């Protein structure tokens, strides 16, 4: 039996840099993510609503704890400009130094 990862990398893509920055800033300000990276643009080719599409996208990668991962995903859905189900995926961080893990967990601890 494996233990659930304590740190997660959560990713989405957006149509503009501004949209990506809003998600990044909001998630970190609300302590749903310890940090965020915005990269792009990248050229994407995809199927959407039964049509072949392509265009630029900006990637947002957020580092969060297992404790708030699902809350982060829900907030990202609220902030995301694509109403038809944006890509939001999470990858467990299998290994990280202890001080990093503690920073992520401490930073994403809410005072609810």
C-alpha atoms as a PDB file:
ATOM      1  CA  UNK A   1       0.000   0.000   0.000  1.00  0.00           C
ATOM      2  CA  UNK A   2       1.385   3.399  -0.970  1.00  0.00           C
ATOM      3  CA  UNK A   3       0.936   6.603   0.950  1.00  0.00           C
ATOM      4  CA  UNK A   4      -0.819   9.510  -0.783  1.00  0.00           C
ATOM      5  CA  UNK A   5       1.538  12.251  -1.915  1.00  0.00           C
ATOM      6  CA  UNK A   6       1.673  15.266   0.391  1.00  0.00           C
ATOM      7  CA  UNK A   7       2.514  17.717  -2.426  1.00  0.00           C
ATOM      8  CA  UNK A   8       0.734  17.976  -5.773  1.00  0.00           C
ATOM      9  CA  UNK A   9       1.421  19.833  -9.015  1.00  0.00           C
ATOM     10  CA  UNK A  10      -1.883  21.038 -10.481  1.00  0.00           C
ATOM     11  CA  UNK A  11      -2.004  22.273 -14.070  1.00  0.00           C
ATOM     12  CA  UNK A  12      -4.388  23.988 -16.437  1.00  0.00           C
ATOM     13  CA  UNK A  13      -4.133  25.954 -19.677  1.00  0.00           C
ATOM     14  CA  UNK A  14      -5.814  29.235 -20.578  1.00  0.00           C
ATOM     15  CA  UNK A  15      -6.330  31.216 -23.773  1.00  0.00           C
ATOM     16  CA  UNK A  16      -4.491  34.331 -22.535  1.00  0.00           C
ATOM     17  CA  UNK A  17      -1.622  35.273 -20.275  1.00  0.00           C
ATOM     18  CA  UNK A  18      -3.969  37.487 -18.255  1.00  0.00           C
ATOM     19  CA  UNK A  19      -6.329  34.558 -17.578  1.00  0.00           C
ATOM     20  CA  UNK A  20      -3.360  32.465 -16.431  1.00  0.00           C
ATOM     21  CA  UNK A  21      -2.094  35.221 -14.158  1.00  0.00           C
ATOM     22  CA  UNK A  22      -5.531  35.668 -12.546  1.00  0.00           C
ATOM     23  CA  UNK A  23      -5.686  31.959 -11.689  1.00  0.00           C
ATOM     24  CA  UNK A  24      -2.097  31.974 -10.388  1.00  0.00           C
ATOM     25  CA  UNK A  25      -2.437  35.132  -8.282  1.00  0.00           C
ATOM     26  CA  UNK A  26      -5.824  34.199  -6.852  1.00  0.00           C
ATOM     27  CA  UNK A  27      -4.817  30.660  -5.890  1.00  0.00           C
ATOM     28  CA  UNK A  28      -1.660  31.822  -4.128  1.00  0.00           C
ATOM     29  CA  UNK A  29      -3.355  34.814  -2.448  1.00  0.00           C
ATOM     30  CA  UNK A  30      -6.112  32.535  -1.136  1.00  0.00           C
ATOM     31  CA  UNK A  31      -3.493  30.053   0.141  1.00  0.00           C
ATOM     32  CA  UNK A  32      -4.792  27.271  -2.104  1.00  0.00           C
ATOM     33  CA  UNK A  33      -1.339  27.045  -3.672  1.00  0.00           C
ATOM     34  CA  UNK A  34       2.089  27.719  -2.199  1.00  0.00           C
ATOM     35  CA  UNK A  35       3.369  28.952  -5.546  1.00  0.00           C
ATOM     36  CA  UNK A  36       2.451  29.178  -9.215  1.00  0.00           C
ATOM     37  CA  UNK A  37       4.256  29.322 -12.536  1.00  0.00           C
ATOM     38  CA  UNK A  38       2.836  30.758 -15.753  1.00  0.00           C
ATOM     39  CA  UNK A  39       4.510  29.708 -18.989  1.00  0.00           C
ATOM     40  CA  UNK A  40       3.712  30.221 -22.616  1.00  0.00           C
ATOM     41  CA  UNK A  41       2.509  30.749 -25.058  1.00  0.00           C
ATOM     42  CA  UNK A  42       2.528  27.249 -26.463  1.00  0.00           C
ATOM     43  CA  UNK A  43       0.823  26.300 -29.711  1.00  0.00           C
ATOM     44  CA  UNK A  44      -1.843  23.651 -29.133  1.00  0.00           C
ATOM     45  CA  UNK A  45      -3.823  21.452 -31.481  1.00  0.00           C
ATOM     46  CA  UNK A  46      -6.946  19.846 -29.999  1.00  0.00           C
ATOM     47  CA  UNK A  47     -10.474  18.545 -30.436  1.00  0.00           C
ATOM     48  CA  UNK A  48     -13.133  20.777 -28.895  1.00  0.00           C
ATOM     49  CA  UNK A  49     -16.911  20.508 -29.333  1.00  0.00           C
ATOM     50  CA  UNK A  50     -16.395  17.976 -32.141  1.00  0.00           C
ATOM     51  CA  UNK A  51     -14.161  20.348 -34.095  1.00  0.00           C
ATOM     52  CA  UNK A  52     -10.445  20.385 -34.703  1.00  0.00           C
ATOM     53  CA  UNK A  53      -8.946  23.525 -33.223  1.00  0.00           C
ATOM     54  CA  UNK A  54      -5.584  25.109 -32.684  1.00  0.00           C
ATOM     55  CA  UNK A  55      -4.166  28.197 -31.104  1.00  0.00           C
ATOM     56  CA  UNK A  56      -1.973  29.633 -28.376  1.00  0.00           C
ATOM     57  CA  UNK A  57      -2.403  28.627 -24.748  1.00  0.00           C
ATOM     58  CA  UNK A  58      -0.756  29.611 -21.470  1.00  0.00           C
ATOM     59  CA  UNK A  59       0.060  26.963 -18.879  1.00  0.00           C
ATOM     60  CA  UNK A  60      -0.474  27.510 -15.155  1.00  0.00           C
ATOM     61  CA  UNK A  61       1.257  25.098 -12.779  1.00  0.00           C
ATOM     62  CA  UNK A  62       0.425  25.374  -9.093  1.00  0.00           C
ATOM     63  CA  UNK A  63       2.110  23.608  -6.171  1.00  0.00           C
ATOM     64  CA  UNK A  64      -0.293  22.600  -3.423  1.00  0.00           C
ATOM     65  CA  UNK A  65      -0.813  20.224  -0.537  1.00  0.00           C
ATOM     66  CA  UNK A  66      -3.026  17.156  -0.462  1.00  0.00           C
ATOM     67  CA  UNK A  67      -5.177  18.958   2.134  1.00  0.00           C
ATOM     68  CA  UNK A  68      -6.379  21.670  -0.277  1.00  0.00           C
ATOM     69  CA  UNK A  69      -5.869  20.079  -3.704  1.00  0.00           C
ATOM     70  CA  UNK A  70      -9.582  19.561  -4.338  1.00  0.00           C
ATOM     71  CA  UNK A  71     -10.473  23.066  -3.098  1.00  0.00           C
ATOM     72  CA  UNK A  72      -7.843  24.449  -5.465  1.00  0.00           C
ATOM     73  CA  UNK A  73      -9.348  22.546  -8.412  1.00  0.00           C
ATOM     74  CA  UNK A  74     -12.837  23.825  -7.558  1.00  0.00           C
ATOM     75  CA  UNK A  75     -11.574  27.418  -7.357  1.00  0.00           C
ATOM     76  CA  UNK A  76      -9.747  27.033 -10.670  1.00  0.00           C
ATOM     77  CA  UNK A  77     -13.036  25.965 -12.282  1.00  0.00           C
ATOM     78  CA  UNK A  78     -14.687  29.126 -10.956  1.00  0.00           C
ATOM     79  CA  UNK A  79     -11.910  31.342 -12.305  1.00  0.00           C
ATOM     80  CA  UNK A  80     -11.356  29.617 -15.641  1.00  0.00           C
ATOM     81  CA  UNK A  81     -12.685  31.396 -18.764  1.00  0.00           C
ATOM     82  CA  UNK A  82     -13.588  28.141 -20.516  1.00  0.00           C
ATOM     83  CA  UNK A  83     -17.052  27.137 -19.344  1.00  0.00           C
ATOM     84  CA  UNK A  84     -17.053  23.860 -21.267  1.00  0.00           C
ATOM     85  CA  UNK A  85     -14.748  21.902 -18.980  1.00  0.00           C
ATOM     86  CA  UNK A  86     -11.151  23.102 -18.996  1.00  0.00           C
ATOM     87  CA  UNK A  87      -8.261  20.729 -18.482  1.00  0.00           C
ATOM     88  CA  UNK A  88      -7.343  20.631 -14.815  1.00  0.00           C
ATOM     89  CA  UNK A  89      -4.984  17.802 -13.943  1.00  0.00           C
ATOM     90  CA  UNK A  90      -2.925  16.950 -10.893  1.00  0.00           C
ATOM     91  CA  UNK A  91       0.277  14.979 -10.596  1.00  0.00           C
ATOM     92  CA  UNK A  92       1.587  13.792  -7.261  1.00  0.00           C
ATOM     93  CA  UNK A  93       5.087  14.933  -6.371  1.00  0.00           C
ATOM     94  CA  UNK A  94       6.606  11.554  -5.578  1.00  0.00           C
ATOM     95  CA  UNK A  95       9.637  12.976  -3.838  1.00  0.00           C
ATOM     96  CA  UNK A  96      10.763  16.354  -2.555  1.00  0.00           C
ATOM     97  CA  UNK A  97      13.105  17.517   0.160  1.00  0.00           C
ATOM     98  CA  UNK A  98      11.475  17.749   3.575  1.00  0.00           C
ATOM     99  CA  UNK A  99      11.829  21.522   3.861  1.00  0.00           C
ATOM    100  CA  UNK A 100       9.957  22.018   0.565  1.00  0.00           C
ATOM    101  CA  UNK A 101       7.125  19.708   1.628  1.00  0.00           C
ATOM    102  CA  UNK A 102       6.837  21.506   4.957  1.00  0.00           C
ATOM    103  CA  UNK A 103       6.777  24.902   3.184  1.00  0.00           C
ATOM    104  CA  UNK A 104       3.979  23.822   0.833  1.00  0.00           C
ATOM    105  CA  UNK A 105       1.929  22.367   3.666  1.00  0.00           C
ATOM    106  CA  UNK A 106       2.485  25.377   5.957  1.00  0.00           C
ATOM    107  CA  UNK A 107       1.724  27.861   3.176  1.00  0.00           C
ATOM    108  CA  UNK A 108      -1.522  26.169   2.177  1.00  0.00           C
ATOM    109  CA  UNK A 109      -2.808  25.789   5.723  1.00  0.00           C
ATOM    110  CA  UNK A 110      -5.919  27.886   6.095  1.00  0.00           C
ATOM    111  CA  UNK A 111      -7.205  29.400   9.290  1.00  0.00           C
ATOM    112  CA  UNK A 112     -10.848  28.346   8.750  1.00  0.00           C
END
